[in-house]
Amino acid sequence: MRRKIVAGNWKMNTSVAEGVALAKAVAAGAIEVPSDVDIIIAPPFTHIVPVAEAVAGSRIAVSAQNCADEPKGAYTGEVAASMIAGAGCRYVILGHSERRQYYGETSEKLVKKMRLALAEGLKPIYCVGEKLEERNAGNHFAVVGAQLAEVLFELTPEEASKVVIAYEPVWAIGTGVTATSAQAQEIHAFIRGSLAGKFGSDFAEEISILYGGSCKPSNAAELFACPDIDGGLIGGASLKAEDFLAIAKSY
């Protein structure tokens, strides 16, 4: 059975003290979230150890927002998959549109990151999604299909089975604009169909696919009611424990 997941991507926000307080508030409120929902928080690198300590013993899992595409070495400013795993992470977000757009991350680099993360026992949350001009041109299926083929489909079925996919329409990230539930369901179904075509229908039915574009308490229930949407990768709303927990209760 596919896991229901709500993951909070804090991006480059909060001080360490603020992050620890936020993590504790989420952990305290998680008792009211249905037990079959997995809750993940992704703080900045500087916060991972104290946040992991703050939620130890709770149902909250910690994710990193990225990892390096090399295992170790002279790569100033980079953080290896082994380091984040050792710091207490169980997940890592890879391929976020902001990493692709601002830092030029390529599919080749992302394949390397995926394999390094998996080798360390981390579960990648792999992001796919199209820009506004690509959707307006009717190319959204081609763009998302290529992002799957160039990265996820380079993995073995065993490796790929450990990945969570997050569809994030780039035009809806931080804009307040949200894909309609019909638009979101359509492309989630396309993703699941693509997985079935590559790895088989049984495989596709076991993979969780999250929606990640301005999901908030007011629209989460409608989105999560769609048959192929298994949860959300939450940005801005994850910075307020009350809002994040309200989304997690939306099933």
C-alpha atoms as a PDB file:
ATOM      1  CA  MET A   1       0.000   0.000   0.000  1.00  0.00           C
ATOM      2  CA  ARG A   2       1.279   3.463  -0.898  1.00  0.00           C
ATOM      3  CA  ARG A   3       2.379   5.642   1.990  1.00  0.00           C
ATOM      4  CA  LYS A   4       0.620   8.932   2.657  1.00  0.00           C
ATOM      5  CA  ILE A   5       3.292  11.577   3.153  1.00  0.00           C
ATOM      6  CA  VAL A   6       3.400  15.238   4.128  1.00  0.00           C
ATOM      7  CA  ALA A   7       6.904  16.713   3.878  1.00  0.00           C
ATOM      8  CA  GLY A   8       7.864  20.256   4.850  1.00  0.00           C
ATOM      9  CA  ASN A   9      10.678  21.920   2.891  1.00  0.00           C
ATOM     10  CA  TRP A  10      11.859  24.855   4.994  1.00  0.00           C
ATOM     11  CA  LYS A  11      14.270  26.048   2.286  1.00  0.00           C
ATOM     12  CA  MET A  12      16.640  28.833   3.473  1.00  0.00           C
ATOM     13  CA  ASN A  13      14.490  29.982   6.387  1.00  0.00           C
ATOM     14  CA  THR A  14      14.633  30.072  10.224  1.00  0.00           C
ATOM     15  CA  SER A  15      17.512  30.408  12.631  1.00  0.00           C
ATOM     16  CA  VAL A  16      18.669  27.270  14.414  1.00  0.00           C
ATOM     17  CA  ALA A  17      16.653  28.217  17.509  1.00  0.00           C
ATOM     18  CA  GLU A  18      13.565  28.960  15.423  1.00  0.00           C
ATOM     19  CA  GLY A  19      13.963  25.679  13.568  1.00  0.00           C
ATOM     20  CA  VAL A  20      14.223  23.658  16.771  1.00  0.00           C
ATOM     21  CA  ALA A  21      11.119  25.382  18.152  1.00  0.00           C
ATOM     22  CA  LEU A  22       9.230  24.698  14.922  1.00  0.00           C
ATOM     23  CA  ALA A  23      10.284  21.049  14.923  1.00  0.00           C
ATOM     24  CA  LYS A  24       9.171  20.611  18.530  1.00  0.00           C
ATOM     25  CA  ALA A  25       5.798  22.204  17.757  1.00  0.00           C
ATOM     26  CA  VAL A  26       5.276  19.878  14.803  1.00  0.00           C
ATOM     27  CA  ALA A  27       6.248  16.840  16.875  1.00  0.00           C
ATOM     28  CA  ALA A  28       3.897  17.853  19.680  1.00  0.00           C
ATOM     29  CA  GLY A  29       0.969  18.397  17.324  1.00  0.00           C
ATOM     30  CA  ALA A  30       1.568  15.246  15.299  1.00  0.00           C
ATOM     31  CA  ILE A  31      -0.433  13.225  17.796  1.00  0.00           C
ATOM     32  CA  GLU A  32      -3.562  14.604  16.115  1.00  0.00           C
ATOM     33  CA  VAL A  33      -2.468  13.528  12.618  1.00  0.00           C
ATOM     34  CA  PRO A  34      -3.816  10.185  11.323  1.00  0.00           C
ATOM     35  CA  SER A  35      -1.363   7.412  12.155  1.00  0.00           C
ATOM     36  CA  ASP A  36      -1.040   6.296   8.531  1.00  0.00           C
ATOM     37  CA  VAL A  37       0.453   9.641   7.458  1.00  0.00           C
ATOM     38  CA  ASP A  38       4.245   9.935   7.393  1.00  0.00           C
ATOM     39  CA  ILE A  39       5.477  13.379   8.494  1.00  0.00           C
ATOM     40  CA  ILE A  40       8.832  14.682   7.270  1.00  0.00           C
ATOM     41  CA  ILE A  41      10.587  17.996   7.872  1.00  0.00           C
ATOM     42  CA  ALA A  42      13.537  19.284   5.830  1.00  0.00           C
ATOM     43  CA  PRO A  43      15.476  21.988   7.673  1.00  0.00           C
ATOM     44  CA  PRO A  44      18.633  23.733   6.402  1.00  0.00           C
ATOM     45  CA  PHE A  45      21.901  21.803   6.770  1.00  0.00           C
ATOM     46  CA  THR A  46      22.920  23.859   9.826  1.00  0.00           C
ATOM     47  CA  HIS A  47      19.796  22.750  11.694  1.00  0.00           C
ATOM     48  CA  ILE A  48      19.811  19.018  10.984  1.00  0.00           C
ATOM     49  CA  VAL A  49      21.558  17.747  14.135  1.00  0.00           C
ATOM     50  CA  PRO A  50      19.626  19.844  16.695  1.00  0.00           C
ATOM     51  CA  VAL A  51      16.335  19.303  14.839  1.00  0.00           C
ATOM     52  CA  ALA A  52      16.929  15.539  14.696  1.00  0.00           C
ATOM     53  CA  GLU A  53      17.651  15.597  18.427  1.00  0.00           C
ATOM     54  CA  ALA A  54      14.511  17.663  19.061  1.00  0.00           C
ATOM     55  CA  VAL A  55      12.228  15.152  17.312  1.00  0.00           C
ATOM     56  CA  ALA A  56      14.005  11.987  18.488  1.00  0.00           C
ATOM     57  CA  GLY A  57      11.478   9.452  19.718  1.00  0.00           C
ATOM     58  CA  SER A  58       8.616  11.122  17.841  1.00  0.00           C
ATOM     59  CA  ARG A  59       7.003  10.101  14.557  1.00  0.00           C
ATOM     60  CA  ILE A  60       8.747  12.947  12.700  1.00  0.00           C
ATOM     61  CA  ALA A  61      11.426  12.024  10.148  1.00  0.00           C
ATOM     62  CA  VAL A  62      14.130  14.460   9.083  1.00  0.00           C
ATOM     63  CA  SER A  63      15.200  15.149   5.507  1.00  0.00           C
ATOM     64  CA  ALA A  64      18.014  17.170   3.985  1.00  0.00           C
ATOM     65  CA  GLN A  65      17.207  19.586   1.169  1.00  0.00           C
ATOM     66  CA  ASN A  66      20.060  18.413  -1.052  1.00  0.00           C
ATOM     67  CA  CYS A  67      23.321  16.458  -1.078  1.00  0.00           C
ATOM     68  CA  ALA A  68      26.552  16.495  -3.049  1.00  0.00           C
ATOM     69  CA  ASP A  69      27.145  14.464  -6.204  1.00  0.00           C
ATOM     70  CA  GLU A  70      30.475  13.167  -4.866  1.00  0.00           C
ATOM     71  CA  PRO A  71      31.016  10.908  -1.825  1.00  0.00           C
ATOM     72  CA  LYS A  72      33.819  12.982  -0.256  1.00  0.00           C
ATOM     73  CA  GLY A  73      36.862  15.063  -1.103  1.00  0.00           C
ATOM     74  CA  ALA A  74      37.975  18.590  -1.935  1.00  0.00           C
ATOM     75  CA  TYR A  75      34.543  20.060  -2.663  1.00  0.00           C
ATOM     76  CA  THR A  76      34.376  23.196  -0.549  1.00  0.00           C
ATOM     77  CA  GLY A  77      30.886  24.028   0.630  1.00  0.00           C
ATOM     78  CA  GLU A  78      29.345  20.682  -0.319  1.00  0.00           C
ATOM     79  CA  VAL A  79      27.678  18.202   2.040  1.00  0.00           C
ATOM     80  CA  ALA A  80      27.894  14.478   1.306  1.00  0.00           C
ATOM     81  CA  ALA A  81      25.050  11.990   1.498  1.00  0.00           C
ATOM     82  CA  SER A  82      26.991  10.080   4.154  1.00  0.00           C
ATOM     83  CA  MET A  83      27.214  13.236   6.263  1.00  0.00           C
ATOM     84  CA  ILE A  84      23.487  13.938   6.244  1.00  0.00           C
ATOM     85  CA  ALA A  85      22.694  10.304   6.958  1.00  0.00           C
ATOM     86  CA  GLY A  86      25.099  10.402   9.888  1.00  0.00           C
ATOM     87  CA  ALA A  87      23.501  13.607  11.155  1.00  0.00           C
ATOM     88  CA  GLY A  88      20.097  11.948  11.505  1.00  0.00           C
ATOM     89  CA  CYS A  89      18.379  12.264   8.123  1.00  0.00           C
ATOM     90  CA  ARG A  90      16.261   9.516   6.631  1.00  0.00           C
ATOM     91  CA  TYR A  91      15.318  11.403   3.459  1.00  0.00           C
ATOM     92  CA  VAL A  92      16.893  13.857   1.016  1.00  0.00           C
ATOM     93  CA  ILE A  93      15.163  16.144  -1.492  1.00  0.00           C
ATOM     94  CA  LEU A  94      16.758  15.934  -4.937  1.00  0.00           C
ATOM     95  CA  GLY A  95      16.041  17.745  -8.195  1.00  0.00           C
ATOM     96  CA  HIS A  96      14.018  20.599  -6.721  1.00  0.00           C
ATOM     97  CA  SER A  97      13.238  23.171  -9.394  1.00  0.00           C
ATOM     98  CA  GLU A  98      15.171  25.824  -7.487  1.00  0.00           C
ATOM     99  CA  ARG A  99      18.278  23.633  -7.604  1.00  0.00           C
ATOM    100  CA  ARG A 100      17.786  23.039 -11.329  1.00  0.00           C
ATOM    101  CA  GLN A 101      17.064  26.699 -12.101  1.00  0.00           C
ATOM    102  CA  TYR A 102      19.483  28.577  -9.835  1.00  0.00           C
ATOM    103  CA  TYR A 103      22.353  26.102  -9.572  1.00  0.00           C
ATOM    104  CA  GLY A 104      22.256  24.397 -12.943  1.00  0.00           C
ATOM    105  CA  GLU A 105      21.725  20.873 -11.660  1.00  0.00           C
ATOM    106  CA  THR A 106      21.682  18.433 -14.542  1.00  0.00           C
ATOM    107  CA  SER A 107      20.134  15.010 -14.883  1.00  0.00           C
ATOM    108  CA  GLU A 108      23.627  13.506 -14.928  1.00  0.00           C
ATOM    109  CA  LYS A 109      24.422  15.045 -11.530  1.00  0.00           C
ATOM    110  CA  LEU A 110      21.068  13.982 -10.138  1.00  0.00           C
ATOM    111  CA  VAL A 111      21.631  10.348 -11.093  1.00  0.00           C
ATOM    112  CA  LYS A 112      24.917  10.448  -9.170  1.00  0.00           C
ATOM    113  CA  LYS A 113      23.204  12.070  -6.168  1.00  0.00           C
ATOM    114  CA  MET A 114      20.436   9.467  -6.230  1.00  0.00           C
ATOM    115  CA  ARG A 115      22.845   6.571  -6.168  1.00  0.00           C
ATOM    116  CA  LEU A 116      24.974   8.092  -3.406  1.00  0.00           C
ATOM    117  CA  ALA A 117      21.885   8.813  -1.303  1.00  0.00           C
ATOM    118  CA  LEU A 118      20.505   5.310  -1.780  1.00  0.00           C
ATOM    119  CA  ALA A 119      23.877   3.776  -0.905  1.00  0.00           C
ATOM    120  CA  GLU A 120      23.684   5.588   2.446  1.00  0.00           C
ATOM    121  CA  GLY A 121      20.202   4.251   3.158  1.00  0.00           C
ATOM    122  CA  LEU A 122      18.481   7.573   2.452  1.00  0.00           C
ATOM    123  CA  LYS A 123      15.125   7.797   0.697  1.00  0.00           C
ATOM    124  CA  PRO A 124      15.260  10.402  -2.083  1.00  0.00           C
ATOM    125  CA  ILE A 125      12.291  12.686  -2.653  1.00  0.00           C
ATOM    126  CA  TYR A 126      12.759  13.310  -6.369  1.00  0.00           C
ATOM    127  CA  CYS A 127      11.160  16.475  -7.750  1.00  0.00           C
ATOM    128  CA  VAL A 128       9.794  16.851 -11.268  1.00  0.00           C
ATOM    129  CA  GLY A 129       7.742  19.611 -12.844  1.00  0.00           C
ATOM    130  CA  GLU A 130       7.377  22.098 -15.667  1.00  0.00           C
ATOM    131  CA  LYS A 131       7.760  25.863 -16.006  1.00  0.00           C
ATOM    132  CA  LEU A 132       4.851  28.124 -16.952  1.00  0.00           C
ATOM    133  CA  GLU A 133       5.962  28.526 -20.551  1.00  0.00           C
ATOM    134  CA  GLU A 134       6.298  24.769 -20.904  1.00  0.00           C
ATOM    135  CA  ARG A 135       2.761  24.199 -19.644  1.00  0.00           C
ATOM    136  CA  ASN A 136       1.355  26.990 -21.817  1.00  0.00           C
ATOM    137  CA  ALA A 137       3.012  25.366 -24.824  1.00  0.00           C
ATOM    138  CA  GLY A 138       1.448  22.027 -23.931  1.00  0.00           C
ATOM    139  CA  ASN A 139       4.834  20.463 -23.235  1.00  0.00           C
ATOM    140  CA  HIS A 140       4.295  19.571 -19.573  1.00  0.00           C
ATOM    141  CA  PHE A 141       3.963  15.839 -20.166  1.00  0.00           C
ATOM    142  CA  ALA A 142       7.123  15.785 -22.297  1.00  0.00           C
ATOM    143  CA  VAL A 143       9.102  17.762 -19.712  1.00  0.00           C
ATOM    144  CA  VAL A 144       8.043  15.599 -16.781  1.00  0.00           C
ATOM    145  CA  GLY A 145       8.488  12.436 -18.824  1.00  0.00           C
ATOM    146  CA  ALA A 146      12.054  13.442 -19.662  1.00  0.00           C
ATOM    147  CA  GLN A 147      12.842  14.210 -16.010  1.00  0.00           C
ATOM    148  CA  LEU A 148      11.678  10.724 -15.082  1.00  0.00           C
ATOM    149  CA  ALA A 149      13.500   9.017 -17.948  1.00  0.00           C
ATOM    150  CA  GLU A 150      16.811  10.839 -17.476  1.00  0.00           C
ATOM    151  CA  VAL A 151      17.087  10.212 -13.734  1.00  0.00           C
ATOM    152  CA  LEU A 152      14.669   7.764 -12.140  1.00  0.00           C
ATOM    153  CA  PHE A 153      14.678   5.341 -15.060  1.00  0.00           C
ATOM    154  CA  GLU A 154      18.482   5.134 -14.845  1.00  0.00           C
ATOM    155  CA  LEU A 155      18.061   3.310 -11.529  1.00  0.00           C
ATOM    156  CA  THR A 156      17.404  -0.369 -11.030  1.00  0.00           C
ATOM    157  CA  PRO A 157      13.851  -1.338 -10.047  1.00  0.00           C
ATOM    158  CA  GLU A 158      15.101  -2.076  -6.528  1.00  0.00           C
ATOM    159  CA  GLU A 159      16.724   1.368  -6.258  1.00  0.00           C
ATOM    160  CA  ALA A 160      13.745   3.175  -7.782  1.00  0.00           C
ATOM    161  CA  SER A 161      11.333   1.468  -5.382  1.00  0.00           C
ATOM    162  CA  LYS A 162      12.889   3.449  -2.530  1.00  0.00           C
ATOM    163  CA  VAL A 163      12.190   6.849  -4.157  1.00  0.00           C
ATOM    164  CA  VAL A 164       9.298   9.196  -3.406  1.00  0.00           C
ATOM    165  CA  ILE A 165       8.305  11.435  -6.321  1.00  0.00           C
ATOM    166  CA  ALA A 166       7.128  15.021  -5.884  1.00  0.00           C
ATOM    167  CA  TYR A 167       5.407  16.790  -8.770  1.00  0.00           C
ATOM    168  CA  GLU A 168       5.938  20.518  -8.436  1.00  0.00           C
ATOM    169  CA  PRO A 169       4.558  22.797 -11.136  1.00  0.00           C
ATOM    170  CA  VAL A 170       7.247  25.484 -11.144  1.00  0.00           C
ATOM    171  CA  TRP A 171       4.633  28.106 -11.964  1.00  0.00           C
ATOM    172  CA  ALA A 172       2.858  27.357  -8.674  1.00  0.00           C
ATOM    173  CA  ILE A 173       5.823  27.401  -6.275  1.00  0.00           C
ATOM    174  CA  GLY A 174       5.658  30.355  -3.922  1.00  0.00           C
ATOM    175  CA  THR A 175       3.259  32.192  -6.221  1.00  0.00           C
ATOM    176  CA  GLY A 176       0.033  31.451  -4.393  1.00  0.00           C
ATOM    177  CA  VAL A 177      -1.235  29.891  -7.616  1.00  0.00           C
ATOM    178  CA  THR A 178      -2.129  26.232  -7.311  1.00  0.00           C
ATOM    179  CA  ALA A 179      -2.792  23.681  -9.998  1.00  0.00           C
ATOM    180  CA  THR A 180      -6.440  22.688  -9.970  1.00  0.00           C
ATOM    181  CA  SER A 181      -7.134  19.271  -8.528  1.00  0.00           C
ATOM    182  CA  ALA A 182      -7.949  18.102 -12.069  1.00  0.00           C
ATOM    183  CA  GLN A 183      -4.627  19.397 -13.421  1.00  0.00           C
ATOM    184  CA  ALA A 184      -2.717  17.846 -10.535  1.00  0.00           C
ATOM    185  CA  GLN A 185      -4.473  14.500 -10.815  1.00  0.00           C
ATOM    186  CA  GLU A 186      -3.931  14.408 -14.578  1.00  0.00           C
ATOM    187  CA  ILE A 187      -0.169  14.702 -14.335  1.00  0.00           C
ATOM    188  CA  HIS A 188       0.105  12.477 -11.267  1.00  0.00           C
ATOM    189  CA  ALA A 189      -1.734   9.812 -13.268  1.00  0.00           C
ATOM    190  CA  PHE A 190       0.698  10.404 -16.147  1.00  0.00           C
ATOM    191  CA  ILE A 191       3.645   9.919 -13.786  1.00  0.00           C
ATOM    192  CA  ARG A 192       2.176   6.703 -12.390  1.00  0.00           C
ATOM    193  CA  GLY A 193       1.485   5.487 -15.896  1.00  0.00           C
ATOM    194  CA  SER A 194       5.072   6.233 -16.899  1.00  0.00           C
ATOM    195  CA  LEU A 195       6.318   4.253 -13.900  1.00  0.00           C
ATOM    196  CA  ALA A 196       4.080   1.361 -14.907  1.00  0.00           C
ATOM    197  CA  GLY A 197       5.426   1.476 -18.444  1.00  0.00           C
ATOM    198  CA  LYS A 198       9.015   1.273 -17.211  1.00  0.00           C
ATOM    199  CA  PHE A 199       8.810  -0.903 -14.107  1.00  0.00           C
ATOM    200  CA  GLY A 200       5.379  -2.553 -14.235  1.00  0.00           C
ATOM    201  CA  SER A 201       1.943  -1.772 -12.803  1.00  0.00           C
ATOM    202  CA  ASP A 202       2.576  -3.428  -9.425  1.00  0.00           C
ATOM    203  CA  PHE A 203       5.664  -1.251  -8.954  1.00  0.00           C
ATOM    204  CA  ALA A 204       3.786   1.907  -9.932  1.00  0.00           C
ATOM    205  CA  GLU A 205       1.019   1.229  -7.432  1.00  0.00           C
ATOM    206  CA  GLU A 206       3.535   1.168  -4.569  1.00  0.00           C
ATOM    207  CA  ILE A 207       5.256   4.505  -5.278  1.00  0.00           C
ATOM    208  CA  SER A 208       4.076   7.598  -3.397  1.00  0.00           C
ATOM    209  CA  ILE A 209       3.672  10.705  -5.569  1.00  0.00           C
ATOM    210  CA  LEU A 210       3.344  14.050  -3.791  1.00  0.00           C
ATOM    211  CA  TYR A 211       1.988  17.381  -4.999  1.00  0.00           C
ATOM    212  CA  GLY A 212       4.276  20.340  -4.378  1.00  0.00           C
ATOM    213  CA  GLY A 213       2.928  23.688  -5.496  1.00  0.00           C
ATOM    214  CA  SER A 214       1.350  26.163  -3.054  1.00  0.00           C
ATOM    215  CA  CYS A 215      -0.426  23.434  -1.128  1.00  0.00           C
ATOM    216  CA  LYS A 216      -2.071  24.928   1.957  1.00  0.00           C
ATOM    217  CA  PRO A 217      -4.749  24.069   4.533  1.00  0.00           C
ATOM    218  CA  SER A 218      -7.502  25.495   2.325  1.00  0.00           C
ATOM    219  CA  ASN A 219      -6.811  23.237  -0.673  1.00  0.00           C
ATOM    220  CA  ALA A 220      -5.002  20.192   0.763  1.00  0.00           C
ATOM    221  CA  ALA A 221      -8.103  18.032   1.298  1.00  0.00           C
ATOM    222  CA  GLU A 222      -9.272  18.487  -2.295  1.00  0.00           C
ATOM    223  CA  LEU A 223      -5.828  17.671  -3.671  1.00  0.00           C
ATOM    224  CA  PHE A 224      -5.283  14.679  -1.389  1.00  0.00           C
ATOM    225  CA  ALA A 225      -8.664  13.250  -2.366  1.00  0.00           C
ATOM    226  CA  CYS A 226      -7.362  12.660  -5.911  1.00  0.00           C
ATOM    227  CA  PRO A 227      -6.632   8.973  -6.508  1.00  0.00           C
ATOM    228  CA  ASP A 228      -3.019   9.423  -7.611  1.00  0.00           C
ATOM    229  CA  ILE A 229      -1.954  12.125  -5.133  1.00  0.00           C
ATOM    230  CA  ASP A 230      -0.424  10.611  -2.017  1.00  0.00           C
ATOM    231  CA  GLY A 231       0.430  13.768  -0.102  1.00  0.00           C
ATOM    232  CA  GLY A 232       2.342  17.002  -0.385  1.00  0.00           C
ATOM    233  CA  LEU A 233       5.790  18.550  -0.457  1.00  0.00           C
ATOM    234  CA  ILE A 234       5.001  21.743   1.395  1.00  0.00           C
ATOM    235  CA  GLY A 235       7.005  24.958   1.162  1.00  0.00           C
ATOM    236  CA  GLY A 236       5.841  28.176   2.792  1.00  0.00           C
ATOM    237  CA  ALA A 237       3.042  26.583   4.810  1.00  0.00           C
ATOM    238  CA  SER A 238       5.560  24.265   6.499  1.00  0.00           C
ATOM    239  CA  LEU A 239       7.100  27.245   8.316  1.00  0.00           C
ATOM    240  CA  LYS A 240       4.048  27.508  10.577  1.00  0.00           C
ATOM    241  CA  ALA A 241       3.413  24.402  12.662  1.00  0.00           C
ATOM    242  CA  GLU A 242      -0.329  25.062  12.779  1.00  0.00           C
ATOM    243  CA  ASP A 243      -0.633  25.271   8.982  1.00  0.00           C
ATOM    244  CA  PHE A 244       1.652  22.306   8.334  1.00  0.00           C
ATOM    245  CA  LEU A 245      -0.224  20.126  10.792  1.00  0.00           C
ATOM    246  CA  ALA A 246      -3.572  21.241   9.332  1.00  0.00           C
ATOM    247  CA  ILE A 247      -2.366  20.007   5.931  1.00  0.00           C
ATOM    248  CA  ALA A 248      -1.263  16.709   7.458  1.00  0.00           C
ATOM    249  CA  LYS A 249      -4.748  16.277   8.932  1.00  0.00           C
ATOM    250  CA  SER A 250      -6.405  16.811   5.541  1.00  0.00           C
ATOM    251  CA  TYR A 251      -6.725  13.150   4.579  1.00  0.00           C
END
